[in-house]
Amino acid sequence: MKINLNRVIKDIEILSTFNATPGSGVTRLSYTKEDKMARNYIIEQMKAIGLKVWEDGYANLFGRREGKYTNLPVIRIGSHYDTVINGGSFDGCRSGICT
């Protein structure tokens, strides 16, 4: 599988706009309006690639795509999309986007 660098850059740029401190890094704290906007964007992207998407009671997102071979083990990938205060554009979202 090949990584689409343009998609990765676009997603990082878009997620960076969901920011409480423009001009001072990226701040997207859990349970804020910026967090909700980022979560909605991520849900849209997950659905666009055919994942069944759901959320638990703690704002964790899950996406599942059934594999061809149901007897094989499940592959799980985890990340976060919140940031520290005044973090960089890569804070929070880099590992999730790249997967």
PDB file of N, CA and C in Angstrom:
ATOM      1  N   MET A   1       0.844  -1.174   0.000  1.00  0.00           N
ATOM      2  CA  MET A   1       0.000   0.000   0.000  1.00  0.00           C
ATOM      3  C   MET A   1       0.892   1.240   0.000  1.00  0.00           C
ATOM      4  N   LYS A   2       0.543   2.185  -0.800  1.00  0.00           N
ATOM      5  CA  LYS A   2       1.328   3.409  -0.943  1.00  0.00           C
ATOM      6  C   LYS A   2       0.661   4.553  -0.177  1.00  0.00           C
ATOM      7  N   ILE A   3       1.472   5.355   0.491  1.00  0.00           N
ATOM      8  CA  ILE A   3       0.953   6.512   1.221  1.00  0.00           C
ATOM      9  C   ILE A   3       0.764   7.670   0.254  1.00  0.00           C
ATOM     10  N   ASN A   4      -0.395   8.300   0.318  1.00  0.00           N
ATOM     11  CA  ASN A   4      -0.690   9.465  -0.510  1.00  0.00           C
ATOM     12  C   ASN A   4      -0.256  10.707   0.268  1.00  0.00           C
ATOM     13  N   LEU A   5       0.937  11.205  -0.021  1.00  0.00           N
ATOM     14  CA  LEU A   5       1.501  12.334   0.711  1.00  0.00           C
ATOM     15  C   LEU A   5       0.619  13.573   0.621  1.00  0.00           C
ATOM     16  N   ASN A   6       0.014  13.809  -0.531  1.00  0.00           N
ATOM     17  CA  ASN A   6      -0.866  14.974  -0.678  1.00  0.00           C
ATOM     18  C   ASN A   6      -2.063  14.899   0.266  1.00  0.00           C
ATOM     19  N   ARG A   7      -2.618  13.695   0.438  1.00  0.00           N
ATOM     20  CA  ARG A   7      -3.745  13.516   1.363  1.00  0.00           C
ATOM     21  C   ARG A   7      -3.291  13.763   2.796  1.00  0.00           C
ATOM     22  N   VAL A   8      -2.124  13.250   3.148  1.00  0.00           N
ATOM     23  CA  VAL A   8      -1.600  13.438   4.504  1.00  0.00           C
ATOM     24  C   VAL A   8      -1.427  14.927   4.805  1.00  0.00           C
ATOM     25  N   ILE A   9      -0.809  15.651   3.882  1.00  0.00           N
ATOM     26  CA  ILE A   9      -0.589  17.093   4.067  1.00  0.00           C
ATOM     27  C   ILE A   9      -1.920  17.825   4.178  1.00  0.00           C
ATOM     28  N   LYS A  10      -2.873  17.491   3.295  1.00  0.00           N
ATOM     29  CA  LYS A  10      -4.195  18.135   3.317  1.00  0.00           C
ATOM     30  C   LYS A  10      -4.895  17.901   4.647  1.00  0.00           C
ATOM     31  N   ASP A  11      -4.875  16.664   5.136  1.00  0.00           N
ATOM     32  CA  ASP A  11      -5.547  16.358   6.396  1.00  0.00           C
ATOM     33  C   ASP A  11      -4.903  17.094   7.570  1.00  0.00           C
ATOM     34  N   ILE A  12      -3.579  17.161   7.596  1.00  0.00           N
ATOM     35  CA  ILE A  12      -2.892  17.894   8.668  1.00  0.00           C
ATOM     36  C   ILE A  12      -3.256  19.369   8.612  1.00  0.00           C
ATOM     37  N   GLU A  13      -3.265  19.935   7.413  1.00  0.00           N
ATOM     38  CA  GLU A  13      -3.620  21.356   7.268  1.00  0.00           C
ATOM     39  C   GLU A  13      -5.057  21.618   7.709  1.00  0.00           C
ATOM     40  N   ILE A  14      -5.976  20.752   7.319  1.00  0.00           N
ATOM     41  CA  ILE A  14      -7.377  20.945   7.702  1.00  0.00           C
ATOM     42  C   ILE A  14      -7.543  20.802   9.211  1.00  0.00           C
ATOM     43  N   LEU A  15      -6.959  19.763   9.799  1.00  0.00           N
ATOM     44  CA  LEU A  15      -7.090  19.589  11.244  1.00  0.00           C
ATOM     45  C   LEU A  15      -6.464  20.749  12.011  1.00  0.00           C
ATOM     46  N   SER A  16      -5.435  21.361  11.455  1.00  0.00           N
ATOM     47  CA  SER A  16      -4.794  22.510  12.110  1.00  0.00           C
ATOM     48  C   SER A  16      -5.711  23.726  12.181  1.00  0.00           C
ATOM     49  N   THR A  17      -6.740  23.763  11.329  1.00  0.00           N
ATOM     50  CA  THR A  17      -7.664  24.905  11.364  1.00  0.00           C
ATOM     51  C   THR A  17      -8.650  24.808  12.519  1.00  0.00           C
ATOM     52  N   PHE A  18      -8.804  23.644  13.102  1.00  0.00           N
ATOM     53  CA  PHE A  18      -9.684  23.466  14.261  1.00  0.00           C
ATOM     54  C   PHE A  18      -8.848  23.802  15.494  1.00  0.00           C
ATOM     55  N   ASN A  19      -8.712  25.090  15.765  1.00  0.00           N
ATOM     56  CA  ASN A  19      -7.670  25.593  16.637  1.00  0.00           C
ATOM     57  C   ASN A  19      -8.178  26.764  17.475  1.00  0.00           C
ATOM     58  N   ALA A  20      -7.970  26.691  18.788  1.00  0.00           N
ATOM     59  CA  ALA A  20      -8.403  27.759  19.693  1.00  0.00           C
ATOM     60  C   ALA A  20      -7.386  28.889  19.814  1.00  0.00           C
ATOM     61  N   THR A  21      -6.173  28.704  19.270  1.00  0.00           N
ATOM     62  CA  THR A  21      -5.122  29.726  19.426  1.00  0.00           C
ATOM     63  C   THR A  21      -4.443  30.036  18.093  1.00  0.00           C
ATOM     64  N   PRO A  22      -5.175  30.516  17.086  1.00  0.00           N
ATOM     65  CA  PRO A  22      -4.549  30.830  15.799  1.00  0.00           C
ATOM     66  C   PRO A  22      -3.373  31.793  15.981  1.00  0.00           C
ATOM     67  N   GLY A  23      -2.278  31.508  15.303  1.00  0.00           N
ATOM     68  CA  GLY A  23      -1.085  32.338  15.395  1.00  0.00           C
ATOM     69  C   GLY A  23      -0.175  31.970  16.549  1.00  0.00           C
ATOM     70  N   SER A  24      -0.630  31.068  17.411  1.00  0.00           N
ATOM     71  CA  SER A  24       0.176  30.640  18.568  1.00  0.00           C
ATOM     72  C   SER A  24       0.186  29.125  18.678  1.00  0.00           C
ATOM     73  N   GLY A  25       0.455  28.454  17.580  1.00  0.00           N
ATOM     74  CA  GLY A  25       0.426  26.995  17.593  1.00  0.00           C
ATOM     75  C   GLY A  25      -1.001  26.495  17.463  1.00  0.00           C
ATOM     76  N   VAL A  26      -1.170  25.209  17.676  1.00  0.00           N
ATOM     77  CA  VAL A  26      -2.489  24.581  17.577  1.00  0.00           C
ATOM     78  C   VAL A  26      -2.920  24.145  18.969  1.00  0.00           C
ATOM     79  N   THR A  27      -4.106  24.573  19.367  1.00  0.00           N
ATOM     80  CA  THR A  27      -4.682  24.151  20.644  1.00  0.00           C
ATOM     81  C   THR A  27      -6.050  23.548  20.367  1.00  0.00           C
ATOM     82  N   ARG A  28      -6.142  22.238  20.604  1.00  0.00           N
ATOM     83  CA  ARG A  28      -7.402  21.523  20.408  1.00  0.00           C
ATOM     84  C   ARG A  28      -7.559  20.591  21.616  1.00  0.00           C
ATOM     85  N   LEU A  29      -8.108  21.142  22.681  1.00  0.00           N
ATOM     86  CA  LEU A  29      -8.267  20.383  23.913  1.00  0.00           C
ATOM     87  C   LEU A  29      -9.513  19.509  23.837  1.00  0.00           C
ATOM     88  N   SER A  30      -9.493  18.412  24.563  1.00  0.00           N
ATOM     89  CA  SER A  30     -10.624  17.484  24.575  1.00  0.00           C
ATOM     90  C   SER A  30     -11.907  18.178  25.007  1.00  0.00           C
ATOM     91  N   TYR A  31     -13.002  17.803  24.361  1.00  0.00           N
ATOM     92  CA  TYR A  31     -14.357  18.255  24.684  1.00  0.00           C
ATOM     93  C   TYR A  31     -14.610  19.736  24.394  1.00  0.00           C
ATOM     94  N   THR A  32     -13.784  20.365  23.579  1.00  0.00           N
ATOM     95  CA  THR A  32     -14.006  21.758  23.187  1.00  0.00           C
ATOM     96  C   THR A  32     -14.682  21.793  21.822  1.00  0.00           C
ATOM     97  N   LYS A  33     -15.097  22.995  21.390  1.00  0.00           N
ATOM     98  CA  LYS A  33     -15.712  23.099  20.060  1.00  0.00           C
ATOM     99  C   LYS A  33     -14.710  22.710  18.976  1.00  0.00           C
ATOM    100  N   GLU A  34     -13.424  23.019  19.171  1.00  0.00           N
ATOM    101  CA  GLU A  34     -12.395  22.648  18.185  1.00  0.00           C
ATOM    102  C   GLU A  34     -12.258  21.131  18.103  1.00  0.00           C
ATOM    103  N   ASP A  35     -12.332  20.480  19.249  1.00  0.00           N
ATOM    104  CA  ASP A  35     -12.289  19.022  19.302  1.00  0.00           C
ATOM    105  C   ASP A  35     -13.476  18.433  18.542  1.00  0.00           C
ATOM    106  N   LYS A  36     -14.653  19.009  18.742  1.00  0.00           N
ATOM    107  CA  LYS A  36     -15.857  18.511  18.062  1.00  0.00           C
ATOM    108  C   LYS A  36     -15.752  18.697  16.549  1.00  0.00           C
ATOM    109  N   MET A  37     -15.217  19.844  16.105  1.00  0.00           N
ATOM    110  CA  MET A  37     -15.056  20.071  14.665  1.00  0.00           C
ATOM    111  C   MET A  37     -14.062  19.068  14.073  1.00  0.00           C
ATOM    112  N   ALA A  38     -12.967  18.819  14.784  1.00  0.00           N
ATOM    113  CA  ALA A  38     -11.982  17.841  14.309  1.00  0.00           C
ATOM    114  C   ALA A  38     -12.597  16.447  14.273  1.00  0.00           C
ATOM    115  N   ARG A  39     -13.331  16.097  15.309  1.00  0.00           N
ATOM    116  CA  ARG A  39     -13.975  14.784  15.371  1.00  0.00           C
ATOM    117  C   ARG A  39     -14.936  14.606  14.201  1.00  0.00           C
ATOM    118  N   ASN A  40     -15.737  15.622  13.898  1.00  0.00           N
ATOM    119  CA  ASN A  40     -16.671  15.528  12.771  1.00  0.00           C
ATOM    120  C   ASN A  40     -15.933  15.350  11.449  1.00  0.00           C
ATOM    121  N   TYR A  41     -14.830  16.067  11.273  1.00  0.00           N
ATOM    122  CA  TYR A  41     -14.030  15.916  10.049  1.00  0.00           C
ATOM    123  C   TYR A  41     -13.477  14.494   9.947  1.00  0.00           C
ATOM    124  N   ILE A  42     -12.955  13.988  11.046  1.00  0.00           N
ATOM    125  CA  ILE A  42     -12.385  12.636  11.047  1.00  0.00           C
ATOM    126  C   ILE A  42     -13.464  11.604  10.741  1.00  0.00           C
ATOM    127  N   ILE A  43     -14.640  11.765  11.319  1.00  0.00           N
ATOM    128  CA  ILE A  43     -15.753  10.844  11.040  1.00  0.00           C
ATOM    129  C   ILE A  43     -16.093  10.863   9.553  1.00  0.00           C
ATOM    130  N   GLU A  44     -16.170  12.049   8.959  1.00  0.00           N
ATOM    131  CA  GLU A  44     -16.448  12.156   7.515  1.00  0.00           C
ATOM    132  C   GLU A  44     -15.399  11.402   6.702  1.00  0.00           C
ATOM    133  N   GLN A  45     -14.136  11.568   7.059  1.00  0.00           N
ATOM    134  CA  GLN A  45     -13.060  10.918   6.317  1.00  0.00           C
ATOM    135  C   GLN A  45     -13.104   9.404   6.491  1.00  0.00           C
ATOM    136  N   MET A  46     -13.409   8.954   7.689  1.00  0.00           N
ATOM    137  CA  MET A  46     -13.504   7.514   7.939  1.00  0.00           C
ATOM    138  C   MET A  46     -14.644   6.895   7.134  1.00  0.00           C
ATOM    139  N   LYS A  47     -15.778   7.572   7.116  1.00  0.00           N
ATOM    140  CA  LYS A  47     -16.915   7.066   6.340  1.00  0.00           C
ATOM    141  C   LYS A  47     -16.609   7.081   4.844  1.00  0.00           C
ATOM    142  N   ALA A  48     -15.863   8.086   4.396  1.00  0.00           N
ATOM    143  CA  ALA A  48     -15.533   8.207   2.970  1.00  0.00           C
ATOM    144  C   ALA A  48     -14.697   7.033   2.468  1.00  0.00           C
ATOM    145  N   ILE A  49     -13.949   6.398   3.366  1.00  0.00           N
ATOM    146  CA  ILE A  49     -13.160   5.232   2.936  1.00  0.00           C
ATOM    147  C   ILE A  49     -13.855   3.917   3.280  1.00  0.00           C
ATOM    148  N   GLY A  50     -15.129   4.014   3.647  1.00  0.00           N
ATOM    149  CA  GLY A  50     -15.933   2.814   3.819  1.00  0.00           C
ATOM    150  C   GLY A  50     -15.904   2.177   5.196  1.00  0.00           C
ATOM    151  N   LEU A  51     -15.488   2.923   6.213  1.00  0.00           N
ATOM    152  CA  LEU A  51     -15.483   2.357   7.555  1.00  0.00           C
ATOM    153  C   LEU A  51     -16.847   2.510   8.212  1.00  0.00           C
ATOM    154  N   LYS A  52     -17.229   1.519   9.008  1.00  0.00           N
ATOM    155  CA  LYS A  52     -18.372   1.657   9.909  1.00  0.00           C
ATOM    156  C   LYS A  52     -17.824   2.424  11.111  1.00  0.00           C
ATOM    157  N   VAL A  53     -18.435   3.552  11.451  1.00  0.00           N
ATOM    158  CA  VAL A  53     -17.885   4.452  12.469  1.00  0.00           C
ATOM    159  C   VAL A  53     -18.830   4.537  13.662  1.00  0.00           C
ATOM    160  N   TRP A  54     -18.257   4.499  14.866  1.00  0.00           N
ATOM    161  CA  TRP A  54     -19.031   4.736  16.075  1.00  0.00           C
ATOM    162  C   TRP A  54     -18.151   5.391  17.129  1.00  0.00           C
ATOM    163  N   GLU A  55     -18.817   5.925  18.141  1.00  0.00           N
ATOM    164  CA  GLU A  55     -18.143   6.652  19.218  1.00  0.00           C
ATOM    165  C   GLU A  55     -18.617   6.087  20.552  1.00  0.00           C
ATOM    166  N   ASP A  56     -17.696   5.969  21.505  1.00  0.00           N
ATOM    167  CA  ASP A  56     -18.107   5.528  22.833  1.00  0.00           C
ATOM    168  C   ASP A  56     -18.485   6.746  23.679  1.00  0.00           C
ATOM    169  N   GLY A  57     -18.761   6.564  24.929  1.00  0.00           N
ATOM    170  CA  GLY A  57     -19.176   7.655  25.797  1.00  0.00           C
ATOM    171  C   GLY A  57     -18.060   8.589  26.229  1.00  0.00           C
ATOM    172  N   TYR A  58     -16.837   8.331  25.771  1.00  0.00           N
ATOM    173  CA  TYR A  58     -15.683   9.147  26.156  1.00  0.00           C
ATOM    174  C   TYR A  58     -15.076   9.882  24.967  1.00  0.00           C
ATOM    175  N   ALA A  59     -15.820  10.023  23.895  1.00  0.00           N
ATOM    176  CA  ALA A  59     -15.397  10.710  22.666  1.00  0.00           C
ATOM    177  C   ALA A  59     -14.317   9.959  21.904  1.00  0.00           C
ATOM    178  N   ASN A  60     -14.155   8.668  22.181  1.00  0.00           N
ATOM    179  CA  ASN A  60     -13.251   7.853  21.373  1.00  0.00           C
ATOM    180  C   ASN A  60     -13.977   7.424  20.112  1.00  0.00           C
ATOM    181  N   LEU A  61     -13.297   7.544  18.989  1.00  0.00           N
ATOM    182  CA  LEU A  61     -13.863   7.125  17.709  1.00  0.00           C
ATOM    183  C   LEU A  61     -13.348   5.745  17.345  1.00  0.00           C
ATOM    184  N   PHE A  62     -14.205   4.979  16.710  1.00  0.00           N
ATOM    185  CA  PHE A  62     -13.832   3.659  16.224  1.00  0.00           C
ATOM    186  C   PHE A  62     -14.283   3.545  14.780  1.00  0.00           C
ATOM    187  N   GLY A  63     -13.476   2.905  13.975  1.00  0.00           N
ATOM    188  CA  GLY A  63     -13.844   2.631  12.597  1.00  0.00           C
ATOM    189  C   GLY A  63     -13.494   1.199  12.271  1.00  0.00           C
ATOM    190  N   ARG A  64     -14.377   0.534  11.567  1.00  0.00           N
ATOM    191  CA  ARG A  64     -14.130  -0.870  11.245  1.00  0.00           C
ATOM    192  C   ARG A  64     -14.459  -1.139   9.785  1.00  0.00           C
ATOM    193  N   ARG A  65     -13.573  -1.890   9.176  1.00  0.00           N
ATOM    194  CA  ARG A  65     -13.835  -2.410   7.836  1.00  0.00           C
ATOM    195  C   ARG A  65     -13.606  -3.912   7.919  1.00  0.00           C
ATOM    196  N   GLU A  66     -14.605  -4.646   7.526  1.00  0.00           N
ATOM    197  CA  GLU A  66     -14.484  -6.101   7.530  1.00  0.00           C
ATOM    198  C   GLU A  66     -13.428  -6.530   6.524  1.00  0.00           C
ATOM    199  N   GLY A  67     -12.642  -7.497   6.909  1.00  0.00           N
ATOM    200  CA  GLY A  67     -11.632  -8.026   6.005  1.00  0.00           C
ATOM    201  C   GLY A  67     -12.190  -9.131   5.123  1.00  0.00           C
ATOM    202  N   LYS A  68     -11.394  -9.538   4.158  1.00  0.00           N
ATOM    203  CA  LYS A  68     -11.800 -10.640   3.276  1.00  0.00           C
ATOM    204  C   LYS A  68     -11.782 -11.973   4.011  1.00  0.00           C
ATOM    205  N   TYR A  69     -10.839 -12.100   4.938  1.00  0.00           N
ATOM    206  CA  TYR A  69     -10.613 -13.375   5.609  1.00  0.00           C
ATOM    207  C   TYR A  69     -10.970 -13.233   7.086  1.00  0.00           C
ATOM    208  N   THR A  70     -12.197 -13.612   7.429  1.00  0.00           N
ATOM    209  CA  THR A  70     -12.687 -13.393   8.787  1.00  0.00           C
ATOM    210  C   THR A  70     -12.003 -14.275   9.823  1.00  0.00           C
ATOM    211  N   ASN A  71     -11.244 -15.273   9.389  1.00  0.00           N
ATOM    212  CA  ASN A  71     -10.545 -16.141  10.329  1.00  0.00           C
ATOM    213  C   ASN A  71      -9.209 -15.542  10.790  1.00  0.00           C
ATOM    214  N   LEU A  72      -8.763 -14.474  10.149  1.00  0.00           N
ATOM    215  CA  LEU A  72      -7.495 -13.843  10.526  1.00  0.00           C
ATOM    216  C   LEU A  72      -7.700 -12.858  11.671  1.00  0.00           C
ATOM    217  N   PRO A  73      -6.633 -12.586  12.442  1.00  0.00           N
ATOM    218  CA  PRO A  73      -6.763 -11.639  13.560  1.00  0.00           C
ATOM    219  C   PRO A  73      -7.087 -10.223  13.084  1.00  0.00           C
ATOM    220  N   VAL A  74      -7.694  -9.477  13.971  1.00  0.00           N
ATOM    221  CA  VAL A  74      -8.031  -8.078  13.717  1.00  0.00           C
ATOM    222  C   VAL A  74      -6.771  -7.233  13.856  1.00  0.00           C
ATOM    223  N   ILE A  75      -6.650  -6.206  13.023  1.00  0.00           N
ATOM    224  CA  ILE A  75      -5.563  -5.231  13.152  1.00  0.00           C
ATOM    225  C   ILE A  75      -6.168  -3.977  13.765  1.00  0.00           C
ATOM    226  N   ARG A  76      -5.565  -3.501  14.858  1.00  0.00           N
ATOM    227  CA  ARG A  76      -6.056  -2.284  15.518  1.00  0.00           C
ATOM    228  C   ARG A  76      -4.986  -1.209  15.453  1.00  0.00           C
ATOM    229  N   ILE A  77      -5.434   0.004  15.207  1.00  0.00           N
ATOM    230  CA  ILE A  77      -4.537   1.157  15.146  1.00  0.00           C
ATOM    231  C   ILE A  77      -5.155   2.241  16.016  1.00  0.00           C
ATOM    232  N   GLY A  78      -4.349   2.875  16.853  1.00  0.00           N
ATOM    233  CA  GLY A  78      -4.875   3.913  17.730  1.00  0.00           C
ATOM    234  C   GLY A  78      -4.089   5.204  17.623  1.00  0.00           C
ATOM    235  N   SER A  79      -4.746   6.292  17.929  1.00  0.00           N
ATOM    236  CA  SER A  79      -4.110   7.597  17.915  1.00  0.00           C
ATOM    237  C   SER A  79      -4.983   8.556  18.712  1.00  0.00           C
ATOM    238  N   HIS A  80      -4.626   9.826  18.711  1.00  0.00           N
ATOM    239  CA  HIS A  80      -5.451  10.857  19.327  1.00  0.00           C
ATOM    240  C   HIS A  80      -5.423  12.077  18.424  1.00  0.00           C
ATOM    241  N   TYR A  81      -6.419  12.939  18.578  1.00  0.00           N
ATOM    242  CA  TYR A  81      -6.482  14.126  17.723  1.00  0.00           C
ATOM    243  C   TYR A  81      -6.588  15.408  18.540  1.00  0.00           C
ATOM    244  N   ASP A  82      -6.536  15.287  19.864  1.00  0.00           N
ATOM    245  CA  ASP A  82      -6.442  16.496  20.685  1.00  0.00           C
ATOM    246  C   ASP A  82      -4.974  16.930  20.723  1.00  0.00           C
ATOM    247  N   THR A  83      -4.707  18.108  21.272  1.00  0.00           N
ATOM    248  CA  THR A  83      -3.334  18.614  21.330  1.00  0.00           C
ATOM    249  C   THR A  83      -3.045  19.171  22.719  1.00  0.00           C
ATOM    250  N   VAL A  84      -1.787  19.442  22.957  1.00  0.00           N
ATOM    251  CA  VAL A  84      -1.416  20.239  24.119  1.00  0.00           C
ATOM    252  C   VAL A  84      -1.684  21.698  23.765  1.00  0.00           C
ATOM    253  N   ILE A  85      -1.632  22.573  24.725  1.00  0.00           N
ATOM    254  CA  ILE A  85      -1.816  24.003  24.461  1.00  0.00           C
ATOM    255  C   ILE A  85      -0.650  24.510  23.620  1.00  0.00           C
ATOM    256  N   ASN A  86      -0.964  25.204  22.545  1.00  0.00           N
ATOM    257  CA  ASN A  86       0.024  25.771  21.616  1.00  0.00           C
ATOM    258  C   ASN A  86       0.946  24.715  21.009  1.00  0.00           C
ATOM    259  N   GLY A  87       0.409  23.538  20.746  1.00  0.00           N
ATOM    260  CA  GLY A  87       1.189  22.489  20.096  1.00  0.00           C
ATOM    261  C   GLY A  87       1.419  22.808  18.629  1.00  0.00           C
ATOM    262  N   GLY A  88       2.166  21.958  17.976  1.00  0.00           N
ATOM    263  CA  GLY A  88       2.405  22.134  16.548  1.00  0.00           C
ATOM    264  C   GLY A  88       1.316  21.476  15.725  1.00  0.00           C
ATOM    265  N   SER A  89       1.385  21.669  14.426  1.00  0.00           N
ATOM    266  CA  SER A  89       0.382  21.097  13.519  1.00  0.00           C
ATOM    267  C   SER A  89       0.350  19.577  13.572  1.00  0.00           C
ATOM    268  N   PHE A  90       1.484  18.962  13.913  1.00  0.00           N
ATOM    269  CA  PHE A  90       1.545  17.501  13.941  1.00  0.00           C
ATOM    270  C   PHE A  90       1.068  16.923  15.268  1.00  0.00           C
ATOM    271  N   ASP A  91       0.920  17.741  16.279  1.00  0.00           N
ATOM    272  CA  ASP A  91       0.525  17.247  17.590  1.00  0.00           C
ATOM    273  C   ASP A  91      -0.865  16.641  17.505  1.00  0.00           C
ATOM    274  N   GLY A  92      -0.957  15.420  17.957  1.00  0.00           N
ATOM    275  CA  GLY A  92      -2.257  14.775  18.027  1.00  0.00           C
ATOM    276  C   GLY A  92      -2.648  13.968  16.815  1.00  0.00           C
ATOM    277  N   CYS A  93      -2.446  14.479  15.633  1.00  0.00           N
ATOM    278  CA  CYS A  93      -3.056  13.830  14.463  1.00  0.00           C
ATOM    279  C   CYS A  93      -2.082  13.065  13.575  1.00  0.00           C
ATOM    280  N   ARG A  94      -0.811  13.271  13.712  1.00  0.00           N
ATOM    281  CA  ARG A  94       0.162  12.720  12.764  1.00  0.00           C
ATOM    282  C   ARG A  94       0.054  11.207  12.606  1.00  0.00           C
ATOM    283  N   SER A  95       0.098  10.467  13.697  1.00  0.00           N
ATOM    284  CA  SER A  95       0.109   9.009  13.563  1.00  0.00           C
ATOM    285  C   SER A  95      -1.200   8.473  13.015  1.00  0.00           C
ATOM    286  N   GLY A  96      -2.315   9.064  13.406  1.00  0.00           N
ATOM    287  CA  GLY A  96      -3.600   8.605  12.893  1.00  0.00           C
ATOM    288  C   GLY A  96      -3.775   8.864  11.415  1.00  0.00           C
ATOM    289  N   ILE A  97      -3.319  10.002  10.948  1.00  0.00           N
ATOM    290  CA  ILE A  97      -3.431  10.337   9.529  1.00  0.00           C
ATOM    291  C   ILE A  97      -2.565   9.408   8.693  1.00  0.00           C
ATOM    292  N   CYS A  98      -1.378   9.139   9.161  1.00  0.00           N
ATOM    293  CA  CYS A  98      -0.448   8.320   8.377  1.00  0.00           C
ATOM    294  C   CYS A  98      -0.899   6.878   8.260  1.00  0.00           C
ATOM    295  N   THR A  99      -1.741   6.418   9.190  1.00  0.00           N
ATOM    296  CA  THR A  99      -2.208   5.052   9.092  1.00  0.00           C
ATOM    297  C   THR A  99      -3.400   4.991   8.190  1.00  0.00           C
TER     298      THR A  99
END
